[in-house]
Structures are given as structure tokens and as C-alpha cells.
Protein backbone atom coordinates (compact mmCIF):
# COMPACT_ATOMS: atom_id res chain seq x y z
CA UNK A 1 0.00 0.00 0.00
CA UNK A 2 1.17 3.51 -0.83
CA UNK A 3 -0.33 6.78 0.36
CA UNK A 4 0.20 10.49 -0.05
CA UNK A 5 -1.14 13.51 1.85
CA UNK A 6 -2.31 16.77 0.30
CA UNK A 7 -3.23 19.76 2.50
CA UNK A 8 -6.58 21.40 1.70
CA UNK A 9 -8.23 24.59 2.90
CA UNK A 10 -10.43 24.76 5.99
CA UNK A 11 -8.56 22.37 8.29
CA UNK A 12 -8.84 19.51 5.80
CA UNK A 13 -6.40 17.18 4.11
CA UNK A 14 -6.73 14.58 1.37
CA UNK A 15 -5.20 11.13 1.68
CA UNK A 16 -4.70 9.32 -1.61
CA UNK A 17 -4.22 5.58 -1.16
CA UNK A 18 -3.12 2.92 -3.63
CA UNK A 19 -3.42 -0.79 -2.83
CA UNK A 20 -1.41 -3.22 -4.93
CA UNK A 21 -3.05 -6.28 -6.45
CA UNK A 22 -1.27 -8.82 -4.25
CA UNK A 23 -2.38 -7.06 -1.07
CA UNK A 24 -5.97 -6.66 -2.22
CA UNK A 25 -6.10 -10.28 -3.30
CA UNK A 26 -5.96 -11.23 0.38
CA UNK A 27 -9.01 -9.05 1.01
CA UNK A 28 -10.88 -10.82 -1.79
CA UNK A 29 -10.00 -14.21 -0.27
CA UNK A 30 -11.32 -13.00 3.09
CA UNK A 31 -14.47 -11.70 1.41
CA UNK A 32 -15.14 -15.10 -0.19
CA UNK A 33 -14.75 -16.76 3.22
CA UNK A 34 -17.33 -14.35 4.65
CA UNK A 35 -19.71 -14.88 1.74
CA UNK A 36 -19.36 -18.64 2.08
CA UNK A 37 -21.10 -18.34 5.45
CA UNK A 38 -24.05 -16.62 3.82
CA UNK A 39 -24.47 -18.44 0.50
CA UNK A 40 -26.07 -21.90 0.67
CA UNK A 41 -24.61 -24.43 -1.80
CA UNK A 42 -25.93 -27.99 -2.08
CA UNK A 43 -23.56 -30.52 -0.55
CA UNK A 44 -21.60 -27.98 1.53
CA UNK A 45 -22.04 -26.81 5.09
CA UNK A 46 -22.05 -23.01 5.63
CA UNK A 47 -18.54 -21.62 5.23
CA UNK A 48 -17.11 -24.86 3.78
CA UNK A 49 -17.63 -24.30 0.04
CA UNK A 50 -14.29 -23.89 -1.81
CA UNK A 51 -13.67 -20.49 -3.36
CA UNK A 52 -13.60 -21.81 -6.94
CA UNK A 53 -17.05 -23.36 -6.58
CA UNK A 54 -18.43 -20.28 -4.81
CA UNK A 55 -16.93 -17.92 -7.41
CA UNK A 56 -18.38 -20.02 -10.22
CA UNK A 57 -21.78 -19.71 -8.58
CA UNK A 58 -21.89 -15.98 -7.68
CA UNK A 59 -19.04 -14.45 -9.70
CA UNK A 60 -16.19 -12.20 -8.56
CA UNK A 61 -18.16 -8.93 -8.23
CA UNK A 62 -19.87 -9.62 -4.86
CA UNK A 63 -16.56 -10.62 -3.28
CA UNK A 64 -14.81 -7.55 -4.67
CA UNK A 65 -17.56 -5.30 -3.29
CA UNK A 66 -17.26 -7.00 0.10
CA UNK A 67 -13.47 -6.68 0.01
CA UNK A 68 -13.75 -2.96 -0.70
CA UNK A 69 -16.22 -2.46 2.17
CA UNK A 70 -14.01 -4.35 4.63
CA UNK A 71 -10.59 -3.37 3.34
CA UNK A 72 -10.81 0.35 2.71
CA UNK A 73 -11.34 1.28 6.41
CA UNK A 74 -8.24 -0.75 7.30
CA UNK A 75 -6.11 0.84 4.59
CA UNK A 76 -7.37 4.27 5.60
CA UNK A 77 -6.49 3.62 9.24
CA UNK A 78 -3.00 2.56 8.19
CA UNK A 79 -2.55 5.74 6.13
CA UNK A 80 -3.82 7.86 9.02
CA UNK A 81 -1.22 6.26 11.31
CA UNK A 82 1.59 6.64 8.78
CA UNK A 83 0.92 10.36 8.28
CA UNK A 84 -0.10 10.99 11.91
CA UNK A 85 -3.37 12.56 10.82
CA UNK A 86 -5.37 13.95 13.76
CA UNK A 87 -8.92 13.20 12.60
CA UNK A 88 -11.87 14.92 14.26
CA UNK A 89 -14.63 13.49 12.05
CA UNK A 90 -15.32 10.54 9.77
CA UNK A 91 -13.61 11.07 6.38
CA UNK A 92 -15.41 11.34 3.06
CA UNK A 93 -14.16 8.47 0.90
CA UNK A 94 -14.19 8.33 -2.91
CA UNK A 95 -13.08 5.17 -4.72
CA UNK A 96 -11.10 6.44 -7.71
CA UNK A 97 -10.05 3.12 -9.20
CA UNK A 98 -10.45 -0.64 -8.95
CA UNK A 99 -14.14 -0.64 -8.17
CA UNK A 100 -14.71 -3.45 -10.64
CA UNK A 101 -11.19 -4.43 -11.65
CA UNK A 102 -7.60 -3.26 -11.66
CA UNK A 103 -5.55 -1.37 -9.09
CA UNK A 104 -7.58 -0.19 -6.08
CA UNK A 105 -7.20 3.52 -5.35
CA UNK A 106 -9.25 5.88 -3.23
CA UNK A 107 -9.17 9.39 -1.81
CA UNK A 108 -10.19 10.28 1.74
CA UNK A 109 -10.99 13.91 2.53
CA UNK A 110 -10.39 14.32 6.25
CA UNK A 111 -11.27 17.10 8.66
CA UNK A 112 -8.36 17.49 11.04
CA UNK A 113 -7.94 19.21 14.37
CA UNK A 114 -7.24 22.90 13.73
CA UNK A 115 -4.38 24.83 15.25
CA UNK A 116 -5.05 28.00 17.24
CA UNK A 117 -2.94 30.83 18.56
CA UNK A 118 -2.72 31.68 22.27
CA UNK A 119 -0.88 35.00 22.45
CA UNK A 120 0.46 35.91 25.86
CA UNK A 121 -0.13 32.55 27.55
CA UNK A 122 3.14 32.74 29.50
CA UNK A 123 2.13 36.09 31.00
CA UNK A 124 -1.16 34.96 32.51
CA UNK A 125 -1.86 36.16 36.04
CA UNK A 126 -4.10 33.93 38.17
CA UNK A 127 -5.63 35.14 41.43
CA UNK A 128 -6.38 32.65 44.20
CA UNK A 129 -7.66 33.03 47.75
CA UNK A 130 -4.83 33.20 50.26
CA UNK A 131 -4.33 29.66 51.59
CA UNK A 132 -3.66 30.98 55.09
CA UNK A 133 -6.93 30.88 57.07
CA UNK A 134 -7.98 34.06 58.86
CA UNK A 135 -8.35 34.29 62.62
CA UNK A 136 -12.12 34.59 62.12
CA UNK A 137 -12.21 31.34 60.14
CA UNK A 138 -10.19 29.55 62.80
CA UNK A 139 -12.52 30.87 65.51
CA UNK A 140 -15.57 29.77 63.54
CA UNK A 141 -14.16 26.24 63.30
CA UNK A 142 -13.45 26.23 67.03
CA UNK A 143 -16.94 27.51 67.82
CA UNK A 144 -18.41 24.82 65.57
CA UNK A 145 -16.69 22.16 67.69
CA UNK A 146 -17.87 23.89 70.86
CA UNK A 147 -21.44 23.81 69.51
CA UNK A 148 -21.14 20.05 69.15
CA UNK A 149 -20.46 19.88 72.89
CA UNK A 150 -22.99 22.55 73.85
CA UNK A 151 -26.06 22.04 76.03
CA UNK A 152 -29.60 23.29 75.36
CA UNK A 153 -31.32 25.34 78.04
CA UNK A 154 -34.95 26.50 77.94
CA UNK A 155 -35.18 30.31 78.06
CA UNK A 156 -38.10 32.63 78.75
CA UNK A 157 -37.58 35.10 75.90
CA UNK A 158 -38.30 35.50 72.21
CA UNK A 159 -36.43 33.31 69.74
CA UNK A 160 -33.37 34.61 67.89
CA UNK A 161 -31.15 33.25 65.16
CA UNK A 162 -29.06 30.40 66.53
CA UNK A 163 -31.70 29.39 69.09
CA UNK A 164 -33.55 26.09 68.99
CA UNK A 165 -37.33 25.82 69.12
CA UNK A 166 -39.59 22.83 69.55
CA UNK A 167 -42.65 23.06 67.30
CA UNK A 168 -45.66 21.37 65.85
CA UNK A 169 -45.36 21.83 62.08
CA UNK A 170 -48.02 21.60 59.39
CA UNK A 171 -47.71 22.27 55.67
CA UNK A 172 -50.46 21.92 53.07
CA UNK A 173 -50.68 22.49 49.34
CA UNK A 174 -54.11 22.67 47.74
CA UNK A 175 -55.56 21.24 50.94
CA UNK A 176 -53.28 18.18 50.91
CA UNK A 177 -50.43 17.60 53.42
CA UNK A 178 -46.94 18.15 51.98
CA UNK A 179 -44.91 14.93 52.51
CA UNK A 180 -42.22 15.28 55.19
CA UNK A 181 -43.45 18.65 56.48
CA UNK A 182 -46.03 17.58 59.03
CA UNK A 183 -44.68 16.62 62.44
CA UNK A 184 -45.04 17.24 66.18
CA UNK A 185 -42.57 18.27 68.88
CA UNK A 186 -39.81 18.85 66.32
CA UNK A 187 -36.56 20.47 67.50
CA UNK A 188 -35.23 22.95 64.93
CA UNK A 189 -32.29 25.36 64.88
CA UNK A 190 -33.27 28.82 63.63
CA UNK A 191 -30.93 29.91 60.86
CA UNK A 192 -30.44 26.58 59.15
CA UNK A 193 -32.84 27.50 56.36
CA UNK A 194 -33.66 23.88 55.64
CA UNK A 195 -37.47 23.98 55.52
CA UNK A 196 -38.56 26.74 53.17
CA UNK A 197 -37.62 30.13 51.80
CA UNK A 198 -38.14 32.70 54.59
CA UNK A 199 -39.29 30.00 57.05
CA UNK A 200 -36.77 30.96 59.73
CA UNK A 201 -37.70 34.65 59.54
CA UNK A 202 -41.21 33.80 60.74
CA UNK A 203 -39.77 32.02 63.80
CA UNK A 204 -37.53 34.88 64.94
CA UNK A 205 -39.29 36.85 67.66
CA UNK A 206 -41.73 34.10 68.64
CA UNK A 207 -42.09 32.87 72.20
CA UNK A 208 -43.36 29.66 73.80
CA UNK A 209 -47.01 29.04 72.90
CA UNK A 210 -47.05 31.33 69.84
CA UNK A 211 -48.69 30.20 66.60
CA UNK A 212 -47.77 31.59 63.17
CA UNK A 213 -49.18 30.95 59.70
CA UNK A 214 -47.60 31.92 56.39
CA UNK A 215 -47.04 30.88 52.78
CA UNK A 216 -43.57 29.89 51.61
CA UNK A 217 -41.73 27.85 48.98
CA UNK A 218 -40.53 24.52 50.46
CA UNK A 219 -36.86 23.83 49.71
CA UNK A 220 -36.28 21.77 46.57
CA UNK A 221 -39.74 22.50 45.12
CA UNK A 222 -41.21 24.99 42.68
CA UNK A 223 -44.64 25.50 44.28
CA UNK A 224 -45.63 27.34 47.45
CA UNK A 225 -47.29 25.72 50.48
CA UNK A 226 -49.31 26.99 53.43
CA UNK A 227 -47.45 26.58 56.73
CA UNK A 228 -48.70 26.50 60.29
CA UNK A 229 -46.29 26.48 63.26
CA UNK A 230 -47.01 26.28 66.98
CA UNK A 231 -43.95 26.97 69.12
CA UNK A 232 -43.48 24.68 72.13
CA UNK A 233 -40.47 26.33 73.74
CA UNK A 234 -37.33 28.31 72.97
CA UNK A 235 -33.93 26.88 73.88
CA UNK A 236 -30.51 28.49 73.90
CA UNK A 237 -27.36 26.57 73.07
CA UNK A 238 -24.82 27.20 75.84
CA UNK A 239 -21.24 26.63 74.65
CA UNK A 240 -18.51 25.30 76.95
CA UNK A 241 -15.60 27.57 77.77
CA UNK A 242 -12.48 26.38 75.90
CA UNK A 243 -9.98 25.74 78.69
CA UNK A 244 -6.96 23.43 78.67
CA UNK A 245 -8.84 21.09 80.99
CA UNK A 246 -11.91 21.01 78.76
CA UNK A 247 -9.76 20.37 75.65
CA UNK A 248 -7.89 17.52 77.32
CA UNK A 249 -11.14 15.92 78.48
CA UNK A 250 -13.17 16.28 75.27
CA UNK A 251 -10.46 16.40 72.58
CA UNK A 252 -7.86 13.92 73.84
CA UNK A 253 -5.72 14.30 70.73
CA UNK A 254 -4.82 17.78 72.04
CA UNK A 255 -3.55 18.80 75.47
CA UNK A 256 -4.20 22.54 75.40
CA UNK A 257 -6.26 25.27 73.77
CA UNK A 258 -3.13 26.51 72.02
CA UNK A 259 -2.39 23.07 70.50
CA UNK A 260 -6.01 22.65 69.44
CA UNK A 261 -6.09 26.09 67.83
CA UNK A 262 -2.88 25.42 65.91
CA UNK A 263 -4.25 22.05 64.73
CA UNK A 264 -7.41 23.75 63.47
CA UNK A 265 -5.37 26.37 61.65
CA UNK A 266 -3.22 23.69 60.01
CA UNK A 267 -6.26 21.66 58.96
CA UNK A 268 -8.03 24.68 57.48
CA UNK A 269 -4.84 25.67 55.68
CA UNK A 270 -4.56 22.22 54.11
CA UNK A 271 -8.19 22.39 53.00
CA UNK A 272 -7.71 25.84 51.47
CA UNK A 273 -4.56 24.69 49.70
CA UNK A 274 -6.40 21.76 48.16
CA UNK A 275 -9.24 24.03 47.08
CA UNK A 276 -6.71 26.46 45.69
CA UNK A 277 -5.03 23.77 43.61
CA UNK A 278 -8.34 22.80 42.04
CA UNK A 279 -9.22 26.45 41.49
CA UNK A 280 -5.81 27.11 39.93
CA UNK A 281 -6.33 24.51 37.22
CA UNK A 282 -9.87 25.73 36.54
CA UNK A 283 -8.89 29.40 36.42
CA UNK A 284 -5.70 28.80 34.44
CA UNK A 285 -7.49 26.80 31.73
CA UNK A 286 -10.33 29.34 31.64
CA UNK A 287 -7.84 32.19 31.23
CA UNK A 288 -5.97 30.23 28.56
CA UNK A 289 -9.20 29.57 26.64
CA UNK A 290 -10.00 33.29 26.73
CA UNK A 291 -6.84 33.95 24.69
CA UNK A 292 -8.20 31.91 21.77
CA UNK A 293 -10.06 33.95 19.15
CA UNK A 294 -10.82 31.10 16.75
CA UNK A 295 -14.22 29.42 17.05
CA UNK A 296 -14.00 25.68 17.76
CA UNK A 297 -15.25 23.28 15.05
CA UNK A 298 -18.92 22.42 15.60
CA UNK A 299 -18.16 18.75 14.99
CA UNK A 300 -15.71 18.64 17.90
CA UNK A 301 -18.17 20.44 20.18
CA UNK A 302 -20.97 18.06 19.18
CA UNK A 303 -18.80 15.01 19.92
CA UNK A 304 -17.79 16.40 23.31
CA UNK A 305 -21.39 17.30 24.07
CA UNK A 306 -22.57 13.80 23.24
CA UNK A 307 -19.88 12.27 25.46
CA UNK A 308 -20.85 14.50 28.38
CA UNK A 309 -24.55 13.72 28.04
CA UNK A 310 -23.84 9.99 27.85
CA UNK A 311 -21.62 10.15 30.95
CA UNK A 312 -24.28 12.13 32.80
CA UNK A 313 -27.00 9.58 31.98
CA UNK A 314 -24.69 6.68 32.87
CA UNK A 315 -23.86 8.31 36.22
CA UNK A 316 -27.56 8.74 37.03
CA UNK A 317 -28.23 5.12 36.09
CA UNK A 318 -25.53 3.87 38.48
CA UNK A 319 -27.36 5.76 41.24
CA UNK A 320 -30.72 4.33 40.23
CA UNK A 321 -32.08 7.69 39.04
CA UNK A 322 -33.74 8.40 35.71
CA UNK A 323 -33.16 11.65 33.82
CA UNK A 324 -36.84 12.52 34.31
CA UNK A 325 -36.56 12.05 38.08
CA UNK A 326 -33.44 14.20 38.22
CA UNK A 327 -35.08 16.99 36.21
CA UNK A 328 -38.17 16.89 38.39
CA UNK A 329 -36.09 17.08 41.58
CA UNK A 330 -33.89 19.94 40.32
CA UNK A 331 -36.54 21.84 38.38
CA UNK A 332 -34.45 21.89 35.19
CA UNK A 333 -35.71 21.22 31.68
CA UNK A 334 -34.02 19.43 28.79
CA UNK A 335 -33.08 22.59 26.89
CA UNK A 336 -31.41 24.16 29.93
CA UNK A 337 -29.51 20.96 30.68
CA UNK A 338 -28.28 20.56 27.09
CA UNK A 339 -27.27 24.21 26.91
CA UNK A 340 -25.25 23.83 30.11
CA UNK A 341 -23.47 20.80 28.71
CA UNK A 342 -22.87 22.60 25.40
CA UNK A 343 -21.16 25.49 27.19
CA UNK A 344 -18.96 23.03 29.06
CA UNK A 345 -18.19 21.11 25.86
CA UNK A 346 -17.29 24.30 23.98
CA UNK A 347 -14.87 25.36 26.70
CA UNK A 348 -13.34 21.85 26.86
CA UNK A 349 -12.69 21.86 23.10
CA UNK A 350 -11.10 25.33 23.22
CA UNK A 351 -8.88 24.28 26.15
CA UNK A 352 -7.88 21.16 24.21
CA UNK A 353 -6.80 23.25 21.22
CA UNK A 354 -5.06 25.85 23.39
CA UNK A 355 -3.02 23.30 25.34
CA UNK A 356 -1.96 21.61 22.11
CA UNK A 357 -0.80 25.03 20.90
CA UNK A 358 1.22 25.55 24.09
CA UNK A 359 2.72 22.10 23.73
CA UNK A 360 3.77 22.90 20.15
CA UNK A 361 5.16 26.33 21.04
CA UNK A 362 7.16 25.00 24.00
CA UNK A 363 8.26 21.86 22.14
CA UNK A 364 6.74 19.58 24.76
CA UNK A 365 7.56 15.96 24.01
CA UNK A 366 6.29 12.63 25.33
CA UNK A 367 8.83 9.82 25.54
CA UNK A 368 8.45 6.08 26.03
CA UNK A 369 8.90 6.34 29.80
CA UNK A 370 5.94 8.75 29.97
CA UNK A 371 3.78 6.26 28.07
CA UNK A 372 4.87 3.33 30.21
CA UNK A 373 4.14 5.31 33.38
CA UNK A 374 0.67 6.10 32.10
CA UNK A 375 0.03 2.45 31.24
CA UNK A 376 1.02 1.57 34.79
CA UNK A 377 -1.25 4.26 36.25
CA UNK A 378 -4.23 3.14 34.18
CA UNK A 379 -3.51 -0.50 35.00
CA UNK A 380 -3.60 0.26 38.70
CA UNK A 381 -6.93 2.09 38.41
CA UNK A 382 -8.45 -0.57 36.16
CA UNK A 383 -7.06 -3.52 38.16
CA UNK A 384 -5.17 -4.81 35.13
CA UNK A 385 -1.60 -5.57 34.16
CA UNK A 386 0.32 -2.78 32.45
CA UNK A 387 1.26 -5.05 29.54
CA UNK A 388 -2.43 -5.78 28.94
CA UNK A 389 -3.25 -2.08 28.97
CA UNK A 390 -0.53 -1.52 26.37
CA UNK A 391 -1.91 -4.30 24.15
CA UNK A 392 -5.41 -2.87 24.42
CA UNK A 393 -4.28 0.61 23.40
CA UNK A 394 -2.24 -0.74 20.51
CA UNK A 395 -5.08 -3.02 19.38
CA UNK A 396 -7.54 -0.11 19.35
CA UNK A 397 -5.14 2.31 17.62
CA UNK A 398 -5.46 4.50 20.71
CA UNK A 399 -1.77 5.15 21.41
CA UNK A 400 -1.85 8.32 19.29
CA UNK A 401 -4.69 9.71 21.42
CA UNK A 402 -2.94 8.68 24.63
CA UNK A 403 0.23 10.49 23.62
CA UNK A 404 -1.83 13.58 22.78
CA UNK A 405 -3.42 13.52 26.24
CA UNK A 406 -0.05 13.14 27.93
CA UNK A 407 1.36 15.99 25.86
CA UNK A 408 -1.53 18.24 26.89
CA UNK A 409 -1.04 17.28 30.52
CA UNK A 410 2.65 18.19 30.30
CA UNK A 411 1.73 21.46 28.58
CA UNK A 412 -0.64 22.30 31.44
CA UNK A 413 2.11 21.46 33.91
CA UNK A 414 4.45 23.83 32.05
CA UNK A 415 1.80 26.53 32.17
CA UNK A 416 1.21 26.16 35.91
CA UNK A 417 4.95 26.49 36.51
CA UNK A 418 5.29 29.69 34.48
CA UNK A 419 2.17 31.81 35.00
CA UNK A 420 1.96 34.35 37.83
CA UNK A 421 -0.02 33.16 40.86
CA UNK A 422 -1.14 35.80 43.38
CA UNK A 423 -3.60 36.07 46.25
CA UNK A 424 -6.62 38.41 46.30
CA UNK A 425 -4.35 41.21 47.56
CA UNK A 426 -1.96 40.78 44.62
CA UNK A 427 0.79 39.19 46.72
CA UNK A 428 2.68 36.39 44.92
CA UNK A 429 1.96 32.95 46.34
CA UNK A 430 4.51 30.19 46.87
CA UNK A 431 4.12 28.22 43.63
CA UNK A 432 5.43 24.93 45.00
CA UNK A 433 3.18 25.23 48.05
CA UNK A 434 0.13 25.81 45.86
CA UNK A 435 0.99 23.10 43.34
CA UNK A 436 2.09 20.55 45.91
CA UNK A 437 4.75 17.90 45.41
CA UNK A 438 2.70 15.94 42.88
CA UNK A 439 1.03 17.72 40.01
CA UNK A 440 -1.59 15.14 39.02
CA UNK A 441 -4.13 16.87 36.86
CA UNK A 442 -6.06 16.78 33.59
CA UNK A 443 -6.85 19.57 31.19
CA UNK A 444 -10.54 18.66 31.44
CA UNK A 445 -12.34 17.46 34.54
CA UNK A 446 -14.24 14.77 32.67
CA UNK A 447 -11.25 13.17 31.00
CA UNK A 448 -10.82 10.55 33.74
CA UNK A 449 -14.24 9.15 32.84
CA UNK A 450 -12.80 7.99 29.48
CA UNK A 451 -9.13 7.39 30.19
CA UNK A 452 -9.18 3.60 30.29
CA UNK A 453 -12.18 2.69 28.15
CA UNK A 454 -9.72 1.27 25.61
CA UNK A 455 -8.13 -0.81 28.37
CA UNK A 456 -11.52 -2.21 29.39
CA UNK A 457 -11.91 -3.66 25.89
CA UNK A 458 -8.84 -5.85 26.36
């Protein structure tokens, strides 16, 4: 087989392929074997009729047609690999010779992934919240723990935010009780906002024995209900004083208020750092995408959209939820959901193109050790052997895509190590502290859902 590549306008190329007679003869033999399973000849079991007898019966034309149908996709795939063509849609194929006899030739017009420009990517400035927790945040965490150990005391005053009230609760809609909102002697913390929009506001200022009626929108619904509340009593949560003795008795992992406070600060700092790392990737890729002026190909967006919708439906199914149930519970409609996914898909495609551009500009390369490490990582996650993952990727012609993903990941890593990272006051942040010791990330948050689907086919 011989092939040539001709660039065309509009992110397209043309592959011209020529298959020699000896090579195509093997495809014709295979086609006759397939047809032998379908054609019934007296005296022969299906698939057992010799080619000469079968050819005498049906002629050469049906086998040649079958050989073209089966062989051309394989020859095209080989040409795509040889020329490293980055297809983004199914090619348009035209058989230019050998349809009935002679040398088989065909042209494949292919839409390829476009290249984009990302001017100024190295000068991006990303703002993140300072990872150091404030004194107020530390105190709030400490008070939260104190509330867990607090005691409720009945008070003879009107209820305020943060107090607890016992109540008899009724809620009706069109004269019918609202499920889950009719109960007696229920203890509720004012300020939680769990029941309905504005529900807590009607409780503030009430005292023991008061009754209030109002209309409000129950949480998680789209229709109002009529509420009736009778307050039993008002209780105040009394917090324990944080002394060294109290800490040692109730938080045995700490021996003093000072040690406990420092532990809380460290824990909050670690949480903020982790949040910052996730935010950094999101904000960096969003800023990178904003540098791209070219519109992404609709075909790529449609493919990404379809993949996201399929993953969404599959995720719901694993949780035993139908799309209709999810929409009813969230109040969303199909058009809104699809539009949300389309926006995400469009951004993902632009980020894909932008990271490839960075990789090209910075001459990012993927070597064999990178590929082997990725096979090992996928194998661990898929509970397979690395050699089997490799075979699966090679069998499915997926190595090219894997290398592209690794190259994008390395381009993102380069970007994160070169852009400016500051806090909300404009002060530069410690890059290594923000990134951490291991920079395990993807250019798109849904990529992990697909990363070893080729391996699962092994």
C-alpha cells in the first residue's frame, strides 16, 4: 500500500491511497470466506464451500464489493497512522479506481484538528484566595466544635437566630399535606434554612405558645405551600468555655487550647490549599481559553457534548435515578440541561486546542517512559496488568490519542509552573506550596471518565 497527503483549505487534508493487487487479493479471499457463510450451496455446510465453486456460482463482483467495504477502512487507518493525521470526524471516501477491476485507489478527505494561537499565555496572572486561614475562620471552626459539645437550656424570651425551638409543624398544598413537612414536637435550629424560603424569619421573635401561619416555597420545590407552626419552647445553646482542661477531656488528641487552635489552623490551611489547587487549574485553563479567538469546530463540540450527556446519563443510572426524576427534583428542563453541557463542551474543546498550541510552542515531548508510566497508572486504576493495557491501546489504535493527552497534561504542567499566581491582595503565592509535590491533573475534569475505556476492551 502507498499513500500520499495533500493539504486542503479549511482544516482539511486529502489522503490518496493505492493498494497493490497482491495485497488486495488477500481481502478478496477473506471476502469469499465471509460470503461462504451466507451463500447456501448444495452438498456444503455453511462456510465450507471452496472459493472456486463459490466464485463459479456468484461471480467475482460480490466478493470484490465486500473486500472494498471491509478493506478500505483498514487501509485508511493505516494511512492515518503513517501520516499521523489527527482526525476529528469521519472522512469522506471516494473510490477512484479498482471498483470493478484493476488497481484499487481511493481518496479520503479528512477534517483534522485545527491549530489555534494563544498569544500571551506565558504572561497569565491567576488570582487565588490566600491559603492561610484568617483568625475569624479559625474561631468559627473552634466555635463549631464547641457547639457540638454545647447544652440546650430553655429560656423565657423571644427566639433569635441560633436558638432552637420545639414546634408542631403543618404544611399543606391545595388542601393536601406536603410529605415530610407535618410533624409534632420537632426540635429545629433557627438559621439553618432547611425547611422553606423565609421559614426561619417567621420564627424569629416568637415565644413559647405562639402560633404563626404563612405561605412559603418549600426547599427543593417549585410550588408554594401553606405553613402553620405552633412553638413549644425556645432553647438556647450554651457553649462550653475552651480551657486546657476542657480540651484535654473532650479532645484527647490535644492537650491545650493553644495546641487545638494550631491544629485547626493547620487543617483549614490544608483544605484551602487543596481548594486552591483545584481552582488554579480551573482558572488557568479558563484564562488560557479566553486567549483563543478562533471558534472551535462544531463537529468537535458536538462530539464532546454527546460524550458528556452519555456520561451524565450513565452516572444517574448507576445511582438508580432516571433523567426525568433528576429533572423533576432539580426543576431543570431538557433545553437548559443541554445548553449547560454545550457550554462546558465548547470550553473543553477550546482548552484542548489551546493546550496543544502551548505544547507545540514550548516543544513539549512525550517519551516512552511517559507512556509506560501512564500504562502503569491506568492499569492500577483498572485492576489490570500494564502489559495488557498496552496491548489494548495498541489493538484499538489508541496510542496516538494517549500520547496527545499526555502531551496536553505536560503542557498544562508547564503553564502552571510559568504563570503568575497571586492572592486576592496581589501578593505572589509560593508556587510549589500551591501546586504541591505531585502535580496530578487533567486539562478537562471529565477526561478521567474515558481514560481507560480502551483498556476495558482488552
